[in-house]
Amino acid sequence: MKLEKHSDFLYNRIRGDFMSKLSSIEREIQFLYNKHNKETKYPLDIEEVKFPLYIIKILNKTTKRTKLEAKKLKIFRNKILYELRLKSWHLQYVDEEEHKKKQKDRQQKIATNRDVKYKNDLTKIKHFGIWFDTNSNIKLNRETYAKIDKKVHLTVSPFFIEYYKNNPNERSKVYENEDCTLYSDSWCTQHKQNCLKNFDLNISFFEKIDNDKFNNALSTLLKRRKNFEQIFDINELDEIEGIYVLVLDNYKQIYIGQSKNMKQRILQHWRKNKEFDRLIFGKIETSVLSIDSFGCLDTTRIFILKTKTLWELDDAEKVLIDSINKKYILNRTAGGIHGNDRFTMLEIEVNKNKRNL
């Protein structure tokens, strides 16, 4: 009887210690669940959600604090897991590495099936391991650049909204409605002209860059970190954290970015079109073309640097961006730091009449 009470006491102690960490664990599990449903076309049964490895470590660490035998510890631990299932999570206790291996094999099988399906399809093209539709914007093109979109994507201050409500004549020059959610036709027409002027300025600027000097600058950049490696299939970067360098040889430009999932982030650059009202960043004469305006085929080389910590990720990106001449990079801002360096340099170029149309 005493042993039974003692066991109950220890169980409650284990349970209390573990449940104190439960709120953060539940948020992590909910994040994994939402992420899966967002990234896949089919809903995920909650029973398929896996225990991340660190949750398993917390369980092991919690139970090892007691002096009970391993067998009893396992019983207590399973009892806690059962309580978690009663909390509607219905989780499976599995190894994260095993789950990742199965997921990778499944993705490899899907990729193989796509290769067979699209191999003889003339409307598809494979680039860095990903299939793209040839009818989409796979390259930067002046004809498809700056398509008019009347929707307002920039944040409009409540102060200006109130001001425009009281001054409808001023508002009509920019916005079509009182809520300032749609641009006027006249503003869109003028903005498109400004975007095309900026486009031509950038293309003219790229053409003046010496190719050998660009490659030397790129080589110097890559030598700053020993672990830089060139990749030819971005499927290898799925859920891999690090720094990526996109090289656009035809324009003698590079883009440096960071992500906890480099494959997903690179695909966002290739598939996302920059919003119409965000095409110009700063002045018409000095705004840098957004990396999102370029197509997937404009990226000819990719280099990556794997990182382990968030601090290392931020620090490496800043150091790399600051180490290369700003005329070679498409980064509009350097992680919020030194974002105006290139603008100042381009203003000097404009003043020297080197970028005039």
Protein backbone atom coordinates (compact mmCIF):
# COMPACT_ATOMS: atom_id res chain seq x y z
CA MET A 1 0.00 0.00 0.00
CA LYS A 2 2.84 2.35 0.90
CA LEU A 3 4.66 1.51 -2.34
CA GLU A 4 1.52 2.27 -4.33
CA LYS A 5 1.13 5.67 -2.65
CA HIS A 6 4.82 6.35 -3.15
CA SER A 7 4.48 5.52 -6.86
CA ASP A 8 1.46 7.81 -7.19
CA PHE A 9 3.40 10.60 -5.51
CA LEU A 10 6.34 10.19 -7.89
CA TYR A 11 4.03 9.99 -10.86
CA ASN A 12 2.34 13.25 -9.88
CA ARG A 13 5.76 14.80 -9.44
CA ILE A 14 6.80 13.70 -12.92
CA ARG A 15 3.49 14.76 -14.37
CA GLY A 16 3.64 18.21 -12.78
CA ASP A 17 7.19 18.79 -13.95
CA PHE A 18 6.35 17.75 -17.49
CA MET A 19 3.04 19.59 -17.70
CA SER A 20 4.82 22.82 -16.77
CA LYS A 21 6.56 22.55 -20.15
CA LEU A 22 3.44 21.43 -21.97
CA SER A 23 2.22 24.84 -23.15
CA SER A 24 5.33 25.48 -25.27
CA ILE A 25 5.25 21.91 -26.57
CA GLU A 26 1.60 22.22 -27.57
CA ARG A 27 2.36 25.40 -29.50
CA GLU A 28 5.17 23.63 -31.34
CA ILE A 29 2.93 20.68 -32.22
CA GLN A 30 0.15 22.99 -33.39
CA PHE A 31 2.70 24.82 -35.55
CA LEU A 32 3.81 21.54 -37.17
CA TYR A 33 0.18 20.58 -37.73
CA ASN A 34 -0.75 23.92 -39.34
CA LYS A 35 2.42 23.94 -41.42
CA HIS A 36 1.64 20.53 -42.89
CA ASN A 37 -1.93 21.47 -43.77
CA LYS A 38 -0.73 24.70 -45.38
CA GLU A 39 2.00 23.11 -47.51
CA THR A 40 0.05 20.07 -48.74
CA LYS A 41 -3.15 19.70 -50.71
CA TYR A 42 -4.61 17.06 -48.41
CA PRO A 43 -5.57 17.50 -44.73
CA LEU A 44 -3.42 15.82 -42.11
CA ASP A 45 -4.96 13.48 -39.60
CA ILE A 46 -3.92 14.69 -36.15
CA GLU A 47 -2.73 11.17 -35.36
CA GLU A 48 0.00 11.56 -37.99
CA VAL A 49 1.65 14.45 -36.17
CA LYS A 50 4.99 13.28 -34.83
CA PHE A 51 6.76 14.05 -31.57
CA PRO A 52 9.75 16.29 -32.32
CA LEU A 53 12.99 14.85 -30.94
CA TYR A 54 13.35 17.55 -28.28
CA ILE A 55 9.98 16.56 -26.77
CA ILE A 56 11.25 13.01 -26.41
CA LYS A 57 14.37 14.36 -24.69
CA ILE A 58 12.23 16.35 -22.25
CA LEU A 59 10.28 13.20 -21.40
CA ASN A 60 13.46 11.19 -20.87
CA LYS A 61 15.11 13.95 -18.85
CA THR A 62 12.02 14.37 -16.68
CA THR A 63 11.63 10.71 -15.85
CA LYS A 64 15.33 10.06 -15.19
CA ARG A 65 15.25 12.43 -12.20
CA THR A 66 13.55 9.76 -10.07
CA LYS A 67 15.13 6.67 -8.50
CA LEU A 68 12.56 4.21 -9.80
CA GLU A 69 13.52 1.36 -12.08
CA ALA A 70 13.54 1.95 -15.83
CA LYS A 71 10.53 -0.30 -16.26
CA LYS A 72 8.39 1.77 -13.92
CA LEU A 73 9.67 4.97 -15.50
CA LYS A 74 8.53 3.72 -18.88
CA ILE A 75 5.08 2.99 -17.49
CA PHE A 76 4.82 6.47 -16.01
CA ARG A 77 6.04 8.06 -19.20
CA ASN A 78 3.52 6.15 -21.30
CA LYS A 79 0.82 7.20 -18.86
CA ILE A 80 1.74 10.84 -19.46
CA LEU A 81 1.69 10.27 -23.21
CA TYR A 82 -1.75 8.75 -22.85
CA GLU A 83 -2.92 11.88 -21.04
CA LEU A 84 -1.59 13.95 -23.92
CA ARG A 85 -3.65 11.90 -26.31
CA LEU A 86 -6.70 12.55 -24.17
CA LYS A 87 -5.98 16.26 -24.63
CA SER A 88 -7.03 15.66 -28.27
CA TRP A 89 -3.51 15.63 -29.73
CA HIS A 90 -3.49 11.82 -30.32
CA LEU A 91 0.23 11.85 -30.98
CA GLN A 92 2.52 9.04 -31.97
CA TYR A 93 5.77 8.52 -30.10
CA VAL A 94 8.32 8.23 -32.90
CA ASP A 95 11.89 9.23 -33.65
CA GLU A 96 12.17 12.49 -35.59
CA GLU A 97 15.10 11.22 -37.67
CA GLU A 98 13.12 8.18 -38.78
CA HIS A 99 10.20 10.41 -39.74
CA LYS A 100 12.47 12.73 -41.77
CA LYS A 101 13.97 9.75 -43.60
CA LYS A 102 10.53 8.46 -44.60
CA GLN A 103 9.49 11.94 -45.66
CA LYS A 104 12.62 12.31 -47.80
CA ASP A 105 12.02 8.94 -49.48
CA ARG A 106 8.43 9.96 -50.21
CA GLN A 107 9.55 13.26 -51.76
CA GLN A 108 12.15 11.45 -53.86
CA LYS A 109 9.47 9.13 -55.19
CA ILE A 110 7.26 12.10 -56.10
CA ALA A 111 10.18 13.81 -57.87
CA THR A 112 10.92 10.66 -59.87
CA ASN A 113 7.30 10.39 -60.97
CA ARG A 114 7.35 14.03 -62.09
CA ASP A 115 10.49 13.45 -64.14
CA VAL A 116 8.79 10.60 -65.98
CA LYS A 117 5.60 12.61 -66.46
CA TYR A 118 7.19 15.84 -67.77
CA LYS A 119 10.20 14.42 -69.61
CA ASN A 120 8.64 14.78 -73.07
CA ASP A 121 6.33 17.70 -72.22
CA LEU A 122 7.42 20.77 -74.21
CA THR A 123 5.42 23.07 -71.93
CA LYS A 124 7.62 22.13 -68.96
CA ILE A 125 11.24 22.90 -68.18
CA LYS A 126 13.41 21.59 -65.35
CA HIS A 127 15.66 24.05 -63.54
CA PHE A 128 17.69 23.20 -60.42
CA GLY A 129 15.60 20.06 -59.91
CA ILE A 130 12.21 21.84 -60.12
CA TRP A 131 9.74 21.70 -63.01
CA PHE A 132 8.35 25.01 -64.27
CA ASP A 133 5.71 25.91 -66.83
CA THR A 134 7.29 27.56 -69.89
CA ASN A 135 4.22 29.77 -70.25
CA SER A 136 4.94 31.44 -66.91
CA ASN A 137 7.40 34.29 -66.35
CA ILE A 138 10.56 32.20 -66.24
CA LYS A 139 12.75 35.13 -67.37
CA LEU A 140 12.80 38.87 -66.78
CA ASN A 141 10.89 40.52 -69.61
CA ARG A 142 10.12 44.19 -70.16
CA GLU A 143 6.81 43.36 -71.88
CA THR A 144 5.46 41.53 -68.84
CA TYR A 145 7.13 43.79 -66.28
CA ALA A 146 4.99 46.26 -64.29
CA LYS A 147 1.56 44.80 -64.99
CA ILE A 148 -1.01 47.25 -63.65
CA ASP A 149 -2.66 46.18 -60.40
CA LYS A 150 -4.96 48.70 -58.74
CA LYS A 151 -4.89 46.97 -55.36
CA VAL A 152 -2.97 48.82 -52.62
CA HIS A 153 -0.32 46.58 -51.04
CA LEU A 154 1.52 49.30 -49.14
CA THR A 155 0.31 50.28 -45.68
CA VAL A 156 -1.62 53.56 -45.69
CA SER A 157 -1.48 55.54 -42.45
CA PRO A 158 -4.88 56.18 -40.77
CA PHE A 159 -3.86 59.84 -40.68
CA PHE A 160 -3.69 59.98 -44.49
CA ILE A 161 -6.93 58.04 -44.87
CA GLU A 162 -8.68 60.62 -42.70
CA TYR A 163 -6.98 63.45 -44.59
CA TYR A 164 -8.09 62.09 -47.97
CA LYS A 165 -11.66 61.67 -46.74
CA ASN A 166 -11.76 65.39 -46.02
CA ASN A 167 -9.97 66.23 -49.28
CA PRO A 168 -11.55 64.13 -52.05
CA ASN A 169 -9.85 66.10 -54.82
CA GLU A 170 -6.42 65.22 -53.46
CA ARG A 171 -7.44 61.62 -52.87
CA SER A 172 -8.65 61.14 -56.45
CA LYS A 173 -5.12 61.82 -57.71
CA VAL A 174 -3.88 58.64 -56.01
CA TYR A 175 -6.75 56.52 -54.73
CA GLU A 176 -10.05 55.50 -56.24
CA ASN A 177 -12.09 54.95 -53.07
CA GLU A 178 -12.37 56.52 -49.62
CA ASP A 179 -10.78 53.53 -47.85
CA CYS A 180 -7.63 53.93 -49.96
CA THR A 181 -7.61 50.26 -51.00
CA LEU A 182 -7.56 50.88 -54.77
CA TYR A 183 -5.33 53.14 -56.85
CA SER A 184 -6.77 55.52 -59.42
CA ASP A 185 -6.29 54.86 -63.15
CA SER A 186 -4.19 57.99 -63.59
CA TRP A 187 -1.83 56.99 -60.78
CA CYS A 188 -1.42 53.47 -62.22
CA THR A 189 -0.60 54.82 -65.68
CA GLN A 190 2.02 57.21 -64.31
CA HIS A 191 3.49 54.59 -61.99
CA LYS A 192 3.89 52.11 -64.84
CA GLN A 193 5.82 54.72 -66.84
CA ASN A 194 8.07 55.30 -63.82
CA CYS A 195 8.62 51.55 -63.37
CA LEU A 196 9.61 51.07 -67.02
CA LYS A 197 11.98 54.03 -66.81
CA ASN A 198 13.57 52.50 -63.73
CA PHE A 199 13.70 49.12 -65.52
CA ASP A 200 15.60 50.60 -68.47
CA LEU A 201 18.00 52.40 -66.14
CA ASN A 202 18.83 49.16 -64.33
CA ILE A 203 19.34 47.17 -67.54
CA SER A 204 21.61 49.90 -68.87
CA PHE A 205 23.51 49.85 -65.58
CA PHE A 206 23.96 46.05 -65.70
CA GLU A 207 25.36 46.23 -69.23
CA LYS A 208 28.12 48.59 -68.09
CA ILE A 209 29.42 46.14 -65.45
CA ASP A 210 32.63 44.33 -66.39
CA ASN A 211 32.09 40.56 -66.37
CA ASP A 212 35.60 39.67 -65.14
CA LYS A 213 35.38 42.11 -62.25
CA PHE A 214 32.00 40.68 -61.32
CA ASN A 215 33.32 37.11 -61.21
CA ASN A 216 36.35 38.21 -59.20
CA ALA A 217 34.07 39.92 -56.69
CA LEU A 218 31.93 36.77 -56.45
CA SER A 219 35.01 34.56 -55.92
CA THR A 220 36.25 36.87 -53.18
CA LEU A 221 32.85 36.73 -51.50
CA LEU A 222 32.73 32.93 -51.52
CA LYS A 223 36.26 32.69 -50.08
CA ARG A 224 35.17 34.57 -46.97
CA ARG A 225 33.55 31.36 -45.72
CA LYS A 226 35.19 27.96 -46.19
CA ASN A 227 31.96 25.98 -46.11
CA PHE A 228 30.33 27.56 -49.16
CA GLU A 229 29.20 24.90 -51.63
CA GLN A 230 27.58 25.05 -55.05
CA ILE A 231 24.33 23.12 -55.46
CA PHE A 232 22.53 22.00 -58.60
CA ASP A 233 19.27 20.71 -57.12
CA ILE A 234 17.39 22.81 -54.57
CA ASN A 235 15.46 19.76 -53.39
CA GLU A 236 18.55 19.09 -51.28
CA LEU A 237 17.80 22.30 -49.36
CA ASP A 238 14.36 21.29 -48.12
CA GLU A 239 14.08 22.29 -44.43
CA ILE A 240 17.80 23.18 -44.43
CA GLU A 241 18.76 26.39 -42.65
CA GLY A 242 21.44 28.70 -44.01
CA ILE A 243 22.62 31.46 -46.33
CA TYR A 244 22.00 31.22 -50.08
CA VAL A 245 23.61 33.20 -52.90
CA LEU A 246 21.68 33.42 -56.18
CA VAL A 247 23.92 34.30 -59.12
CA LEU A 248 22.38 35.97 -62.19
CA ASP A 249 25.28 35.80 -64.66
CA ASN A 250 23.43 37.46 -67.54
CA TYR A 251 22.93 40.57 -65.42
CA LYS A 252 26.18 40.30 -63.43
CA GLN A 253 24.24 40.46 -60.18
CA ILE A 254 23.86 38.33 -57.07
CA TYR A 255 21.30 38.14 -54.29
CA ILE A 256 22.18 37.09 -50.75
CA GLY A 257 19.43 35.73 -48.54
CA GLN A 258 18.85 33.65 -45.43
CA SER A 259 16.15 31.19 -44.46
CA LYS A 260 15.35 28.30 -42.15
CA ASN A 261 14.10 26.47 -45.24
CA MET A 262 16.26 27.52 -48.19
CA LYS A 263 14.34 25.52 -50.80
CA GLN A 264 11.04 27.11 -49.86
CA ARG A 265 12.52 30.62 -49.81
CA ILE A 266 14.24 30.30 -53.20
CA LEU A 267 11.02 29.02 -54.76
CA GLN A 268 9.22 32.05 -53.35
CA HIS A 269 11.65 34.31 -55.21
CA TRP A 270 11.07 32.44 -58.47
CA ARG A 271 7.30 32.08 -58.26
CA LYS A 272 6.28 35.30 -56.58
CA ASN A 273 5.73 38.47 -58.60
CA LYS A 274 6.65 41.73 -56.94
CA GLU A 275 3.57 43.82 -56.19
CA PHE A 276 2.94 46.63 -58.69
CA ASP A 277 3.11 49.43 -56.10
CA ARG A 278 6.36 48.01 -54.63
CA LEU A 279 8.37 47.81 -57.83
CA ILE A 280 10.08 51.12 -57.06
CA PHE A 281 11.96 51.25 -53.77
CA GLY A 282 13.11 54.81 -53.21
CA LYS A 283 13.79 57.08 -56.18
CA ILE A 284 13.09 56.21 -59.81
CA GLU A 285 16.72 56.86 -60.77
CA THR A 286 18.25 54.72 -58.02
CA SER A 287 15.77 51.95 -57.18
CA VAL A 288 17.23 48.45 -57.54
CA LEU A 289 15.19 45.81 -59.37
CA SER A 290 13.67 43.36 -56.92
CA ILE A 291 14.94 39.77 -57.01
CA ASP A 292 11.26 38.73 -57.15
CA SER A 293 10.94 40.44 -60.53
CA PHE A 294 13.40 38.01 -62.13
CA GLY A 295 12.42 34.56 -63.40
CA CYS A 296 13.80 31.20 -62.33
CA LEU A 297 15.98 30.85 -65.46
CA ASP A 298 17.71 34.14 -64.64
CA THR A 299 19.38 32.35 -61.73
CA THR A 300 22.30 30.47 -63.28
CA ARG A 301 24.28 29.44 -60.18
CA ILE A 302 23.44 28.86 -56.52
CA PHE A 303 25.84 28.70 -53.58
CA ILE A 304 24.77 27.88 -50.04
CA LEU A 305 26.26 28.08 -46.55
CA LYS A 306 24.63 25.92 -43.89
CA THR A 307 24.31 27.45 -40.43
CA LYS A 308 23.38 26.04 -37.05
CA THR A 309 22.14 28.99 -35.01
CA LEU A 310 19.94 32.02 -35.65
CA TRP A 311 22.74 34.31 -34.47
CA GLU A 312 25.17 32.75 -36.94
CA LEU A 313 22.55 33.09 -39.68
CA ASP A 314 22.00 36.82 -39.15
CA ASP A 315 25.67 37.58 -38.62
CA ALA A 316 26.82 35.69 -41.73
CA GLU A 317 24.28 37.41 -43.98
CA LYS A 318 25.26 40.88 -42.77
CA VAL A 319 29.00 40.21 -43.14
CA LEU A 320 28.59 38.86 -46.68
CA ILE A 321 26.40 41.73 -47.88
CA ASP A 322 28.72 44.32 -46.37
CA SER A 323 31.79 42.67 -47.92
CA ILE A 324 30.84 43.04 -51.60
CA ASN A 325 30.55 46.12 -53.78
CA LYS A 326 26.92 47.21 -53.77
CA LYS A 327 26.79 47.50 -57.55
CA TYR A 328 26.91 43.70 -57.76
CA ILE A 329 24.01 42.87 -55.45
CA LEU A 330 20.23 43.03 -55.83
CA ASN A 331 19.56 43.29 -52.10
CA ARG A 332 17.44 46.37 -51.58
CA THR A 333 18.20 46.27 -47.87
CA ALA A 334 20.90 44.39 -46.02
CA GLY A 335 18.76 42.89 -43.31
CA GLY A 336 17.79 46.40 -42.27
CA ILE A 337 21.43 47.50 -42.10
CA HIS A 338 23.31 49.72 -44.56
CA GLY A 339 20.38 49.51 -46.95
CA ASN A 340 21.08 52.92 -48.52
CA ASP A 341 24.73 52.36 -49.47
CA ARG A 342 23.94 51.30 -53.02
CA PHE A 343 21.41 54.09 -53.48
CA THR A 344 24.06 56.66 -52.63
CA MET A 345 26.46 55.07 -55.09
CA LEU A 346 23.85 54.97 -57.86
CA GLU A 347 23.00 58.62 -57.28
CA ILE A 348 26.64 59.43 -57.93
CA GLU A 349 26.49 57.39 -61.14
CA VAL A 350 23.40 59.30 -62.25
CA ASN A 351 25.09 62.61 -61.52
CA LYS A 352 27.99 61.48 -63.70
CA ASN A 353 25.47 60.76 -66.50
CA LYS A 354 26.55 57.12 -66.60
CA ARG A 355 23.04 55.74 -66.28
CA ASN A 356 21.04 58.25 -68.28
CA LEU A 357 18.76 56.75 -70.93
